[in-house]
Amino acid sequence: NAISGYSKSKDLFKKLNDTLSIAKVNNSIGLIEIKRGDYVKGLQYLLSAIKVLESKNLKNELRLAYSNLAKTCYNFKAFDESIAVYLKALQIQEEQNDVDGINQSNSQLAELYSIKKEHRKAIEYYEKVLKGLNNDSIRGQILPKLGGEYLKFNDYKNAENFLIKGLKLNRRSKDKTGLLTTLNNLADLNLQQNRLIFARKQLLEAGAIAKKLDNKPELLRYYKLMKALDSTSRKFDKAFVWQRRYYDLKNSI
């Protein structure tokens, strides 16, 4: 119904030769198509709108359009393009002191840099998010990810510091998703330091939560870590089972 109304209004704006209003309508239709999951159609509308909005330097509209374009690029796994657009959105958000938008863009940029294995950049943006909020729920998501990034550099002191904070916070708030990430990262830390009893205990809890939440990416990490743990413990028959489960799940997703 919304798209039908927008389409009718666009026809009228075309008769009036009002390119700016057409761009605003295209932006709105693009956002709806993305929410519906049609990223290809949404992308076409957004790109059409952004071209006009940029020429008019309409920052309020551009801020939203950039954020949604960046999300769409992410869904297409166009990570470099997503980073470039998030940086454009972030510039406007900072100019307008849009605190929620700034935190969201910084968080997404950190995740994107992590995917690209640019871990120092990921740490930089995760730390910006932590400095910019007092929301325990979001902190519970960020702390274990930040600890995981430090773990990539074998910086065990900082990794453990952030992971323990994340563990306490997520247990207190009963945030299962944040707790799952924390437990997998803590198990990885303990495994690297040959604290195998602690690693196994944390992985058993992580595996139960991952299955309950049907969190496939973290379940995949759980299988990989269990394989490493049992290989280190010279339980090679069990390690083989974990490896098979890992590849079965990886192929399915």
C-alpha atoms as a PDB file:
ATOM      1  CA  ASN A   1       0.000   0.000   0.000  1.00  0.00           C
ATOM      2  CA  ALA A   2       2.826   2.379   0.876  1.00  0.00           C
ATOM      3  CA  ILE A   3       4.622   1.654  -2.409  1.00  0.00           C
ATOM      4  CA  SER A   4       1.368   2.166  -4.319  1.00  0.00           C
ATOM      5  CA  GLY A   5       0.941   5.589  -2.702  1.00  0.00           C
ATOM      6  CA  TYR A   6       4.563   6.540  -3.374  1.00  0.00           C
ATOM      7  CA  SER A   7       4.258   5.426  -7.014  1.00  0.00           C
ATOM      8  CA  LYS A   8       1.177   7.613  -7.550  1.00  0.00           C
ATOM      9  CA  SER A   9       2.911  10.603  -5.970  1.00  0.00           C
ATOM     10  CA  LYS A  10       5.977   9.989  -8.173  1.00  0.00           C
ATOM     11  CA  ASP A  11       3.816  10.091 -11.305  1.00  0.00           C
ATOM     12  CA  LEU A  12       2.502  13.503 -10.224  1.00  0.00           C
ATOM     13  CA  PHE A  13       6.010  14.792  -9.461  1.00  0.00           C
ATOM     14  CA  LYS A  14       7.136  13.653 -12.926  1.00  0.00           C
ATOM     15  CA  LYS A  15       4.364  15.749 -14.515  1.00  0.00           C
ATOM     16  CA  LEU A  16       5.578  18.705 -12.425  1.00  0.00           C
ATOM     17  CA  ASN A  17       9.204  17.931 -13.429  1.00  0.00           C
ATOM     18  CA  ASP A  18      10.088  18.021  -9.693  1.00  0.00           C
ATOM     19  CA  THR A  19      13.319  15.973  -9.658  1.00  0.00           C
ATOM     20  CA  LEU A  20      14.029  16.578  -5.968  1.00  0.00           C
ATOM     21  CA  SER A  21      10.660  15.219  -4.830  1.00  0.00           C
ATOM     22  CA  ILE A  22      11.087  12.237  -7.177  1.00  0.00           C
ATOM     23  CA  ALA A  23      14.454  11.527  -5.509  1.00  0.00           C
ATOM     24  CA  LYS A  24      12.902  11.681  -2.036  1.00  0.00           C
ATOM     25  CA  VAL A  25      10.160   9.255  -3.131  1.00  0.00           C
ATOM     26  CA  ASN A  26      12.743   6.902  -4.681  1.00  0.00           C
ATOM     27  CA  ASN A  27      14.662   6.988  -1.400  1.00  0.00           C
ATOM     28  CA  SER A  28      11.507   6.016   0.528  1.00  0.00           C
ATOM     29  CA  ILE A  29      10.623   3.219  -1.917  1.00  0.00           C
ATOM     30  CA  GLY A  30      14.210   1.937  -1.747  1.00  0.00           C
ATOM     31  CA  LEU A  31      14.023   1.714   2.054  1.00  0.00           C
ATOM     32  CA  ILE A  32      10.745  -0.230   1.869  1.00  0.00           C
ATOM     33  CA  GLU A  33      12.112  -2.681  -0.711  1.00  0.00           C
ATOM     34  CA  ILE A  34      15.165  -3.302   1.484  1.00  0.00           C
ATOM     35  CA  LYS A  35      12.941  -3.943   4.514  1.00  0.00           C
ATOM     36  CA  ARG A  36      10.987  -6.430   2.378  1.00  0.00           C
ATOM     37  CA  GLY A  37      14.248  -8.186   1.523  1.00  0.00           C
ATOM     38  CA  ASP A  38      14.395  -7.194  -2.158  1.00  0.00           C
ATOM     39  CA  TYR A  39      17.913  -5.748  -2.008  1.00  0.00           C
ATOM     40  CA  VAL A  40      18.389  -5.546  -5.787  1.00  0.00           C
ATOM     41  CA  LYS A  41      15.304  -3.395  -6.338  1.00  0.00           C
ATOM     42  CA  GLY A  42      16.020  -1.384  -3.181  1.00  0.00           C
ATOM     43  CA  LEU A  43      19.584  -0.726  -4.350  1.00  0.00           C
ATOM     44  CA  GLN A  44      18.366   0.608  -7.706  1.00  0.00           C
ATOM     45  CA  TYR A  45      15.991   3.080  -6.047  1.00  0.00           C
ATOM     46  CA  LEU A  46      18.585   4.195  -3.478  1.00  0.00           C
ATOM     47  CA  LEU A  47      21.310   4.827  -6.056  1.00  0.00           C
ATOM     48  CA  SER A  48      18.877   6.823  -8.176  1.00  0.00           C
ATOM     49  CA  ALA A  49      17.858   8.919  -5.154  1.00  0.00           C
ATOM     50  CA  ILE A  50      21.395   9.443  -3.811  1.00  0.00           C
ATOM     51  CA  LYS A  51      22.618  10.886  -7.108  1.00  0.00           C
ATOM     52  CA  VAL A  52      20.046  13.701  -6.883  1.00  0.00           C
ATOM     53  CA  LEU A  53      20.324  14.171  -3.105  1.00  0.00           C
ATOM     54  CA  GLU A  54      24.107  14.574  -3.372  1.00  0.00           C
ATOM     55  CA  SER A  55      23.724  17.208  -6.094  1.00  0.00           C
ATOM     56  CA  LYS A  56      21.381  19.154  -3.771  1.00  0.00           C
ATOM     57  CA  ASN A  57      23.524  18.437  -0.660  1.00  0.00           C
ATOM     58  CA  LEU A  58      20.445  17.367   1.351  1.00  0.00           C
ATOM     59  CA  LYS A  59      22.184  15.924   4.387  1.00  0.00           C
ATOM     60  CA  ASN A  60      19.162  14.728   6.387  1.00  0.00           C
ATOM     61  CA  GLU A  61      17.961  12.564   3.513  1.00  0.00           C
ATOM     62  CA  LEU A  62      21.502  11.506   2.596  1.00  0.00           C
ATOM     63  CA  ARG A  63      22.267  10.354   6.144  1.00  0.00           C
ATOM     64  CA  LEU A  64      19.467   7.767   5.996  1.00  0.00           C
ATOM     65  CA  ALA A  65      20.094   6.861   2.354  1.00  0.00           C
ATOM     66  CA  TYR A  66      23.822   6.257   2.965  1.00  0.00           C
ATOM     67  CA  SER A  67      23.141   4.048   6.011  1.00  0.00           C
ATOM     68  CA  ASN A  68      20.695   1.889   4.075  1.00  0.00           C
ATOM     69  CA  LEU A  69      22.941   1.736   1.010  1.00  0.00           C
ATOM     70  CA  ALA A  70      25.805   0.579   3.264  1.00  0.00           C
ATOM     71  CA  LYS A  71      23.586  -2.178   4.745  1.00  0.00           C
ATOM     72  CA  THR A  72      22.622  -3.288   1.243  1.00  0.00           C
ATOM     73  CA  CYS A  73      26.274  -3.418   0.120  1.00  0.00           C
ATOM     74  CA  TYR A  74      26.998  -5.508   3.237  1.00  0.00           C
ATOM     75  CA  ASN A  75      24.248  -7.983   2.301  1.00  0.00           C
ATOM     76  CA  PHE A  76      25.811  -8.283  -1.159  1.00  0.00           C
ATOM     77  CA  LYS A  77      29.179  -8.945   0.563  1.00  0.00           C
ATOM     78  CA  ALA A  78      30.565  -5.819  -1.136  1.00  0.00           C
ATOM     79  CA  PHE A  79      32.534  -4.986   1.997  1.00  0.00           C
ATOM     80  CA  ASP A  80      34.831  -2.294   0.577  1.00  0.00           C
ATOM     81  CA  GLU A  81      31.849  -0.417  -0.854  1.00  0.00           C
ATOM     82  CA  SER A  82      29.971  -0.804   2.429  1.00  0.00           C
ATOM     83  CA  ILE A  83      32.891   0.717   4.366  1.00  0.00           C
ATOM     84  CA  ALA A  84      33.116   3.658   1.955  1.00  0.00           C
ATOM     85  CA  VAL A  85      29.394   4.439   2.298  1.00  0.00           C
ATOM     86  CA  TYR A  86      29.355   4.015   6.105  1.00  0.00           C
ATOM     87  CA  LEU A  87      32.198   6.545   6.295  1.00  0.00           C
ATOM     88  CA  LYS A  88      30.079   9.002   4.292  1.00  0.00           C
ATOM     89  CA  ALA A  89      27.118   8.401   6.615  1.00  0.00           C
ATOM     90  CA  LEU A  90      29.359   8.793   9.671  1.00  0.00           C
ATOM     91  CA  GLN A  91      30.612  12.180   8.476  1.00  0.00           C
ATOM     92  CA  ILE A  92      27.051  13.541   8.310  1.00  0.00           C
ATOM     93  CA  GLN A  93      26.060  11.880  11.603  1.00  0.00           C
ATOM     94  CA  GLU A  94      28.992  13.555  13.352  1.00  0.00           C
ATOM     95  CA  GLU A  95      28.097  16.938  11.835  1.00  0.00           C
ATOM     96  CA  GLN A  96      24.521  16.551  13.128  1.00  0.00           C
ATOM     97  CA  ASN A  97      25.530  15.011  16.476  1.00  0.00           C
ATOM     98  CA  ASP A  98      23.410  11.923  15.752  1.00  0.00           C
ATOM     99  CA  VAL A  99      24.706   9.814  18.660  1.00  0.00           C
ATOM    100  CA  ASP A 100      22.710   6.653  17.865  1.00  0.00           C
ATOM    101  CA  GLY A 101      23.684   6.846  14.205  1.00  0.00           C
ATOM    102  CA  ILE A 102      27.349   7.397  15.084  1.00  0.00           C
ATOM    103  CA  ASN A 103      27.406   4.353  17.381  1.00  0.00           C
ATOM    104  CA  GLN A 104      25.664   2.195  14.784  1.00  0.00           C
ATOM    105  CA  SER A 105      28.040   3.249  11.982  1.00  0.00           C
ATOM    106  CA  ASN A 106      31.135   2.765  14.193  1.00  0.00           C
ATOM    107  CA  SER A 107      29.896  -0.692  15.201  1.00  0.00           C
ATOM    108  CA  GLN A 108      29.274  -1.719  11.590  1.00  0.00           C
ATOM    109  CA  LEU A 109      32.643  -0.346  10.479  1.00  0.00           C
ATOM    110  CA  ALA A 110      34.365  -2.349  13.238  1.00  0.00           C
ATOM    111  CA  GLU A 111      32.599  -5.517  12.091  1.00  0.00           C
ATOM    112  CA  LEU A 112      33.499  -4.865   8.446  1.00  0.00           C
ATOM    113  CA  TYR A 113      37.172  -4.247   9.254  1.00  0.00           C
ATOM    114  CA  SER A 114      37.158  -7.463  11.300  1.00  0.00           C
ATOM    115  CA  ILE A 115      35.783  -9.407   8.311  1.00  0.00           C
ATOM    116  CA  LYS A 116      38.577  -7.929   6.176  1.00  0.00           C
ATOM    117  CA  LYS A 117      41.080  -8.980   8.883  1.00  0.00           C
ATOM    118  CA  GLU A 118      42.088  -5.362   9.500  1.00  0.00           C
ATOM    119  CA  HIS A 119      41.972  -5.990  13.234  1.00  0.00           C
ATOM    120  CA  ARG A 120      43.649  -2.770  14.405  1.00  0.00           C
ATOM    121  CA  LYS A 121      40.996  -0.776  12.543  1.00  0.00           C
ATOM    122  CA  ALA A 122      38.287  -2.980  14.070  1.00  0.00           C
ATOM    123  CA  ILE A 123      39.664  -2.300  17.563  1.00  0.00           C
ATOM    124  CA  GLU A 124      39.736   1.447  16.854  1.00  0.00           C
ATOM    125  CA  TYR A 125      36.046   1.532  15.903  1.00  0.00           C
ATOM    126  CA  TYR A 126      34.846  -0.848  18.655  1.00  0.00           C
ATOM    127  CA  GLU A 127      36.595   1.372  21.221  1.00  0.00           C
ATOM    128  CA  LYS A 128      34.848   4.415  19.749  1.00  0.00           C
ATOM    129  CA  VAL A 129      31.499   2.680  20.294  1.00  0.00           C
ATOM    130  CA  LEU A 130      32.368   1.871  23.925  1.00  0.00           C
ATOM    131  CA  LYS A 131      33.305   5.493  24.598  1.00  0.00           C
ATOM    132  CA  GLY A 132      30.090   6.767  23.043  1.00  0.00           C
ATOM    133  CA  LEU A 133      27.450   4.829  24.982  1.00  0.00           C
ATOM    134  CA  ASN A 134      26.131   3.864  28.404  1.00  0.00           C
ATOM    135  CA  ASN A 135      23.805   1.131  27.165  1.00  0.00           C
ATOM    136  CA  ASP A 136      24.680  -2.154  28.925  1.00  0.00           C
ATOM    137  CA  SER A 137      22.939  -4.246  26.267  1.00  0.00           C
ATOM    138  CA  ILE A 138      25.134  -2.839  23.476  1.00  0.00           C
ATOM    139  CA  ARG A 139      28.246  -2.927  25.705  1.00  0.00           C
ATOM    140  CA  GLY A 140      27.547  -6.619  26.266  1.00  0.00           C
ATOM    141  CA  GLN A 141      27.704  -7.172  22.506  1.00  0.00           C
ATOM    142  CA  ILE A 142      30.796  -5.006  21.926  1.00  0.00           C
ATOM    143  CA  LEU A 143      33.072  -6.107  24.812  1.00  0.00           C
ATOM    144  CA  PRO A 144      33.482  -9.755  23.702  1.00  0.00           C
ATOM    145  CA  LYS A 145      34.028  -8.694  20.087  1.00  0.00           C
ATOM    146  CA  LEU A 146      36.707  -6.229  21.177  1.00  0.00           C
ATOM    147  CA  GLY A 147      38.340  -8.941  23.293  1.00  0.00           C
ATOM    148  CA  GLY A 148      38.261 -11.231  20.264  1.00  0.00           C
ATOM    149  CA  GLU A 149      40.056  -8.627  18.141  1.00  0.00           C
ATOM    150  CA  TYR A 150      42.873  -8.301  20.715  1.00  0.00           C
ATOM    151  CA  LEU A 151      43.113 -12.094  20.704  1.00  0.00           C
ATOM    152  CA  LYS A 152      43.989 -11.947  16.984  1.00  0.00           C
ATOM    153  CA  PHE A 153      47.223 -10.162  17.990  1.00  0.00           C
ATOM    154  CA  ASN A 154      47.941 -12.591  20.853  1.00  0.00           C
ATOM    155  CA  ASP A 155      47.448  -9.636  23.193  1.00  0.00           C
ATOM    156  CA  TYR A 156      46.173 -11.914  25.945  1.00  0.00           C
ATOM    157  CA  LYS A 157      46.130  -9.257  28.662  1.00  0.00           C
ATOM    158  CA  ASN A 158      43.758  -6.886  26.849  1.00  0.00           C
ATOM    159  CA  ALA A 159      41.751  -9.783  25.406  1.00  0.00           C
ATOM    160  CA  GLU A 160      41.171 -11.279  28.857  1.00  0.00           C
ATOM    161  CA  ASN A 161      40.327  -7.882  30.366  1.00  0.00           C
ATOM    162  CA  PHE A 162      37.540  -7.167  27.869  1.00  0.00           C
ATOM    163  CA  LEU A 163      36.270 -10.754  27.802  1.00  0.00           C
ATOM    164  CA  ILE A 164      35.944 -10.970  31.610  1.00  0.00           C
ATOM    165  CA  LYS A 165      34.065  -7.654  31.611  1.00  0.00           C
ATOM    166  CA  GLY A 166      31.821  -8.990  28.855  1.00  0.00           C
ATOM    167  CA  LEU A 167      31.233 -12.241  30.753  1.00  0.00           C
ATOM    168  CA  LYS A 168      30.169 -10.454  33.947  1.00  0.00           C
ATOM    169  CA  LEU A 169      27.937  -8.010  32.078  1.00  0.00           C
ATOM    170  CA  ASN A 170      26.202 -10.632  29.934  1.00  0.00           C
ATOM    171  CA  ARG A 171      25.632 -12.982  32.875  1.00  0.00           C
ATOM    172  CA  ARG A 172      24.116 -10.115  34.845  1.00  0.00           C
ATOM    173  CA  SER A 173      21.870  -8.993  31.987  1.00  0.00           C
ATOM    174  CA  LYS A 174      21.141 -12.595  30.890  1.00  0.00           C
ATOM    175  CA  ASP A 175      22.008 -11.694  27.290  1.00  0.00           C
ATOM    176  CA  LYS A 176      22.515 -15.120  25.715  1.00  0.00           C
ATOM    177  CA  THR A 177      23.866 -13.829  22.395  1.00  0.00           C
ATOM    178  CA  GLY A 178      26.557 -11.700  24.049  1.00  0.00           C
ATOM    179  CA  LEU A 179      27.332 -14.531  26.475  1.00  0.00           C
ATOM    180  CA  LEU A 180      27.774 -16.988  23.601  1.00  0.00           C
ATOM    181  CA  THR A 181      30.338 -14.773  21.820  1.00  0.00           C
ATOM    182  CA  THR A 182      32.138 -14.196  25.118  1.00  0.00           C
ATOM    183  CA  LEU A 183      32.357 -17.899  25.982  1.00  0.00           C
ATOM    184  CA  ASN A 184      33.676 -18.884  22.536  1.00  0.00           C
ATOM    185  CA  ASN A 185      36.330 -16.162  22.683  1.00  0.00           C
ATOM    186  CA  LEU A 186      37.305 -17.027  26.270  1.00  0.00           C
ATOM    187  CA  ALA A 187      37.606 -20.693  25.310  1.00  0.00           C
ATOM    188  CA  ASP A 188      39.832 -19.697  22.380  1.00  0.00           C
ATOM    189  CA  LEU A 189      41.987 -17.607  24.749  1.00  0.00           C
ATOM    190  CA  ASN A 190      42.306 -20.457  27.272  1.00  0.00           C
ATOM    191  CA  LEU A 191      43.008 -22.963  24.523  1.00  0.00           C
ATOM    192  CA  GLN A 192      45.865 -20.803  23.205  1.00  0.00           C
ATOM    193  CA  GLN A 193      47.276 -20.604  26.738  1.00  0.00           C
ATOM    194  CA  ASN A 194      46.897 -24.376  27.238  1.00  0.00           C
ATOM    195  CA  ARG A 195      44.284 -23.981  30.001  1.00  0.00           C
ATOM    196  CA  LEU A 196      42.329 -26.885  28.575  1.00  0.00           C
ATOM    197  CA  ILE A 197      39.994 -27.581  31.528  1.00  0.00           C
ATOM    198  CA  PHE A 198      38.700 -23.998  31.486  1.00  0.00           C
ATOM    199  CA  ALA A 199      38.387 -24.048  27.689  1.00  0.00           C
ATOM    200  CA  ARG A 200      36.331 -27.265  27.719  1.00  0.00           C
ATOM    201  CA  LYS A 201      33.983 -25.958  30.420  1.00  0.00           C
ATOM    202  CA  GLN A 202      33.364 -22.727  28.502  1.00  0.00           C
ATOM    203  CA  LEU A 203      32.852 -24.561  25.214  1.00  0.00           C
ATOM    204  CA  LEU A 204      30.296 -26.950  26.692  1.00  0.00           C
ATOM    205  CA  GLU A 205      28.224 -23.970  27.832  1.00  0.00           C
ATOM    206  CA  ALA A 206      28.760 -22.132  24.516  1.00  0.00           C
ATOM    207  CA  GLY A 207      27.661 -25.169  22.491  1.00  0.00           C
ATOM    208  CA  ALA A 208      24.416 -25.538  24.452  1.00  0.00           C
ATOM    209  CA  ILE A 209      23.577 -21.834  23.979  1.00  0.00           C
ATOM    210  CA  ALA A 210      24.489 -21.845  20.257  1.00  0.00           C
ATOM    211  CA  LYS A 211      22.167 -24.801  19.607  1.00  0.00           C
ATOM    212  CA  LYS A 212      19.346 -23.257  21.646  1.00  0.00           C
ATOM    213  CA  LEU A 213      19.636 -19.920  19.800  1.00  0.00           C
ATOM    214  CA  ASP A 214      20.313 -21.647  16.450  1.00  0.00           C
ATOM    215  CA  ASN A 215      23.236 -19.242  16.051  1.00  0.00           C
ATOM    216  CA  LYS A 216      25.011 -20.926  13.138  1.00  0.00           C
ATOM    217  CA  PRO A 217      28.128 -18.678  12.930  1.00  0.00           C
ATOM    218  CA  GLU A 218      28.915 -19.180  16.635  1.00  0.00           C
ATOM    219  CA  LEU A 219      28.009 -22.883  16.428  1.00  0.00           C
ATOM    220  CA  LEU A 220      30.514 -23.144  13.588  1.00  0.00           C
ATOM    221  CA  ARG A 221      33.170 -21.532  15.824  1.00  0.00           C
ATOM    222  CA  TYR A 222      32.224 -23.929  18.635  1.00  0.00           C
ATOM    223  CA  TYR A 223      32.802 -26.970  16.392  1.00  0.00           C
ATOM    224  CA  LYS A 224      36.143 -25.571  15.199  1.00  0.00           C
ATOM    225  CA  LEU A 225      37.316 -24.877  18.751  1.00  0.00           C
ATOM    226  CA  MET A 226      36.169 -28.306  19.996  1.00  0.00           C
ATOM    227  CA  LYS A 227      38.144 -29.928  17.191  1.00  0.00           C
ATOM    228  CA  ALA A 228      41.237 -27.927  18.211  1.00  0.00           C
ATOM    229  CA  LEU A 229      40.700 -28.764  21.888  1.00  0.00           C
ATOM    230  CA  ASP A 230      40.359 -32.512  21.327  1.00  0.00           C
ATOM    231  CA  SER A 231      43.307 -32.514  18.915  1.00  0.00           C
ATOM    232  CA  THR A 232      45.435 -30.799  21.570  1.00  0.00           C
ATOM    233  CA  SER A 233      44.197 -33.371  24.126  1.00  0.00           C
ATOM    234  CA  ARG A 234      45.158 -36.136  21.634  1.00  0.00           C
ATOM    235  CA  LYS A 235      41.535 -37.312  21.397  1.00  0.00           C
ATOM    236  CA  PHE A 236      41.796 -37.644  17.635  1.00  0.00           C
ATOM    237  CA  ASP A 237      38.654 -39.755  17.127  1.00  0.00           C
ATOM    238  CA  LYS A 238      36.537 -37.042  18.760  1.00  0.00           C
ATOM    239  CA  ALA A 239      38.406 -34.301  16.872  1.00  0.00           C
ATOM    240  CA  PHE A 240      37.450 -36.021  13.614  1.00  0.00           C
ATOM    241  CA  VAL A 241      33.759 -35.946  14.612  1.00  0.00           C
ATOM    242  CA  TRP A 242      33.937 -32.195  15.347  1.00  0.00           C
ATOM    243  CA  GLN A 243      35.685 -31.581  12.028  1.00  0.00           C
ATOM    244  CA  ARG A 244      32.941 -33.440  10.156  1.00  0.00           C
ATOM    245  CA  ARG A 245      30.215 -31.469  11.963  1.00  0.00           C
ATOM    246  CA  TYR A 246      32.082 -28.252  11.174  1.00  0.00           C
ATOM    247  CA  TYR A 247      32.207 -28.943   7.433  1.00  0.00           C
ATOM    248  CA  ASP A 248      28.601 -30.215   7.329  1.00  0.00           C
ATOM    249  CA  LEU A 249      27.362 -26.985   8.930  1.00  0.00           C
ATOM    250  CA  LYS A 250      29.657 -24.795   6.839  1.00  0.00           C
ATOM    251  CA  ASN A 251      28.361 -26.381   3.630  1.00  0.00           C
ATOM    252  CA  SER A 252      24.755 -25.928   4.751  1.00  0.00           C
ATOM    253  CA  ILE A 253      25.196 -22.192   5.295  1.00  0.00           C
END
